[in-house]
Amino acid sequence: MPNIRSSKKRMRQSARRRTRNRVQRAALRSAVKRARSAGTSGEAADAVRQAERLLDRAARKGLIAKNEAARKKSRLVKSLPSKS
């Protein structure tokens, strides 16, 4: 436990950020899993669109790296059932 006031504040801030990041990361993982396991093509397209939106937001906020978001989006789109 820190004694210095600024260290105490930093500890509080990191705990708050860690909690927020953990929740957002869990939501992101859930969206990606939902997109992968979606059944019909219309359902899958909507789920992938939602997952892409969350991935872009996470990359913009610095939660994940930009290339990680791009890679995951690319793999999700490739896993979509084809229209034919």
C-alpha atoms as a PDB file:
ATOM      1  CA  MET A   1       0.000   0.000   0.000  1.00  0.00           C
ATOM      2  CA  PRO A   2       1.577   3.291  -1.045  1.00  0.00           C
ATOM      3  CA  ASN A   3       2.134   6.088   1.445  1.00  0.00           C
ATOM      4  CA  ILE A   4       2.566   8.938  -1.021  1.00  0.00           C
ATOM      5  CA  ARG A   5      -0.659  10.725  -1.926  1.00  0.00           C
ATOM      6  CA  SER A   6      -0.015  10.746  -5.682  1.00  0.00           C
ATOM      7  CA  SER A   7       0.773   7.017  -5.586  1.00  0.00           C
ATOM      8  CA  LYS A   8      -2.510   6.343  -3.811  1.00  0.00           C
ATOM      9  CA  LYS A   9      -4.336   8.316  -6.468  1.00  0.00           C
ATOM     10  CA  ARG A  10      -2.514   6.425  -9.239  1.00  0.00           C
ATOM     11  CA  MET A  11      -3.547   3.158  -7.607  1.00  0.00           C
ATOM     12  CA  ARG A  12      -7.197   4.229  -7.544  1.00  0.00           C
ATOM     13  CA  GLN A  13      -7.020   5.355 -11.158  1.00  0.00           C
ATOM     14  CA  SER A  14      -5.410   2.114 -12.329  1.00  0.00           C
ATOM     15  CA  ALA A  15      -8.008   0.032 -10.515  1.00  0.00           C
ATOM     16  CA  ARG A  16     -10.796   2.024 -12.168  1.00  0.00           C
ATOM     17  CA  ARG A  17      -9.191   1.717 -15.610  1.00  0.00           C
ATOM     18  CA  ARG A  18      -8.456  -1.983 -15.152  1.00  0.00           C
ATOM     19  CA  THR A  19     -12.112  -2.632 -14.324  1.00  0.00           C
ATOM     20  CA  ARG A  20     -13.327  -0.605 -17.302  1.00  0.00           C
ATOM     21  CA  ASN A  21     -10.886  -2.298 -19.686  1.00  0.00           C
ATOM     22  CA  ARG A  22     -11.796  -5.751 -18.399  1.00  0.00           C
ATOM     23  CA  VAL A  23     -15.508  -5.127 -19.002  1.00  0.00           C
ATOM     24  CA  GLN A  24     -14.928  -3.716 -22.486  1.00  0.00           C
ATOM     25  CA  ARG A  25     -12.580  -6.547 -23.438  1.00  0.00           C
ATOM     26  CA  ALA A  26     -15.123  -9.130 -22.255  1.00  0.00           C
ATOM     27  CA  ALA A  27     -17.869  -7.461 -24.318  1.00  0.00           C
ATOM     28  CA  LEU A  28     -15.552  -7.481 -27.325  1.00  0.00           C
ATOM     29  CA  ARG A  29     -14.772 -11.185 -26.930  1.00  0.00           C
ATOM     30  CA  SER A  30     -18.480 -11.985 -26.546  1.00  0.00           C
ATOM     31  CA  ALA A  31     -19.350 -10.072 -29.719  1.00  0.00           C
ATOM     32  CA  VAL A  32     -16.660 -11.903 -31.690  1.00  0.00           C
ATOM     33  CA  LYS A  33     -17.857 -15.283 -30.365  1.00  0.00           C
ATOM     34  CA  ARG A  34     -21.459 -14.369 -31.206  1.00  0.00           C
ATOM     35  CA  ALA A  35     -20.394 -13.459 -34.755  1.00  0.00           C
ATOM     36  CA  ARG A  36     -18.528 -16.747 -35.185  1.00  0.00           C
ATOM     37  CA  SER A  37     -21.390 -18.890 -33.941  1.00  0.00           C
ATOM     38  CA  ALA A  38     -24.218 -17.060 -35.762  1.00  0.00           C
ATOM     39  CA  GLY A  39     -26.310 -19.427 -37.850  1.00  0.00           C
ATOM     40  CA  THR A  40     -27.978 -17.923 -40.906  1.00  0.00           C
ATOM     41  CA  SER A  41     -26.161 -15.579 -43.250  1.00  0.00           C
ATOM     42  CA  GLY A  42     -28.333 -12.564 -42.358  1.00  0.00           C
ATOM     43  CA  GLU A  43     -27.852 -13.195 -38.656  1.00  0.00           C
ATOM     44  CA  ALA A  44     -24.120 -13.691 -39.164  1.00  0.00           C
ATOM     45  CA  ALA A  45     -23.774 -10.494 -41.199  1.00  0.00           C
ATOM     46  CA  ASP A  46     -25.456  -8.454 -38.458  1.00  0.00           C
ATOM     47  CA  ALA A  47     -23.329 -10.071 -35.755  1.00  0.00           C
ATOM     48  CA  VAL A  48     -20.139  -9.452 -37.753  1.00  0.00           C
ATOM     49  CA  ARG A  49     -21.135  -5.829 -38.332  1.00  0.00           C
ATOM     50  CA  GLN A  50     -21.652  -5.358 -34.586  1.00  0.00           C
ATOM     51  CA  ALA A  51     -18.326  -7.054 -33.782  1.00  0.00           C
ATOM     52  CA  GLU A  52     -16.526  -4.875 -36.348  1.00  0.00           C
ATOM     53  CA  ARG A  53     -17.999  -1.772 -34.754  1.00  0.00           C
ATOM     54  CA  LEU A  54     -16.766  -2.842 -31.308  1.00  0.00           C
ATOM     55  CA  LEU A  55     -13.331  -3.801 -32.660  1.00  0.00           C
ATOM     56  CA  ASP A  56     -12.937  -0.400 -34.330  1.00  0.00           C
ATOM     57  CA  ARG A  57     -13.957   1.396 -31.167  1.00  0.00           C
ATOM     58  CA  ALA A  58     -11.564  -0.693 -29.044  1.00  0.00           C
ATOM     59  CA  ALA A  59      -8.700   0.087 -31.428  1.00  0.00           C
ATOM     60  CA  ARG A  60      -9.539   3.790 -31.402  1.00  0.00           C
ATOM     61  CA  LYS A  61      -9.604   3.874 -27.596  1.00  0.00           C
ATOM     62  CA  GLY A  62      -6.309   1.985 -27.339  1.00  0.00           C
ATOM     63  CA  LEU A  63      -7.822  -1.140 -25.804  1.00  0.00           C
ATOM     64  CA  ILE A  64      -6.340  -3.286 -28.577  1.00  0.00           C
ATOM     65  CA  ALA A  65      -3.812  -2.512 -31.292  1.00  0.00           C
ATOM     66  CA  LYS A  66      -5.023  -1.227 -34.658  1.00  0.00           C
ATOM     67  CA  ASN A  67      -3.549  -4.201 -36.538  1.00  0.00           C
ATOM     68  CA  GLU A  68      -5.126  -6.650 -34.097  1.00  0.00           C
ATOM     69  CA  ALA A  69      -8.529  -5.127 -34.827  1.00  0.00           C
ATOM     70  CA  ALA A  70      -7.883  -5.287 -38.576  1.00  0.00           C
ATOM     71  CA  ARG A  71      -6.784  -8.928 -38.354  1.00  0.00           C
ATOM     72  CA  LYS A  72      -9.814  -9.978 -36.319  1.00  0.00           C
ATOM     73  CA  LYS A  73     -12.201  -8.122 -38.643  1.00  0.00           C
ATOM     74  CA  SER A  74     -10.620  -9.761 -41.684  1.00  0.00           C
ATOM     75  CA  ARG A  75     -10.926 -13.236 -40.175  1.00  0.00           C
ATOM     76  CA  LEU A  76     -14.538 -12.622 -39.175  1.00  0.00           C
ATOM     77  CA  VAL A  77     -15.503 -11.537 -42.684  1.00  0.00           C
ATOM     78  CA  LYS A  78     -13.710 -14.554 -44.176  1.00  0.00           C
ATOM     79  CA  SER A  79     -15.669 -16.850 -41.857  1.00  0.00           C
ATOM     80  CA  LEU A  80     -19.030 -15.501 -43.105  1.00  0.00           C
ATOM     81  CA  PRO A  81     -21.050 -18.019 -45.092  1.00  0.00           C
ATOM     82  CA  SER A  82     -20.877 -17.129 -48.785  1.00  0.00           C
ATOM     83  CA  LYS A  83     -24.014 -15.874 -50.547  1.00  0.00           C
ATOM     84  CA  SER A  84     -23.968 -18.578 -53.236  1.00  0.00           C
END
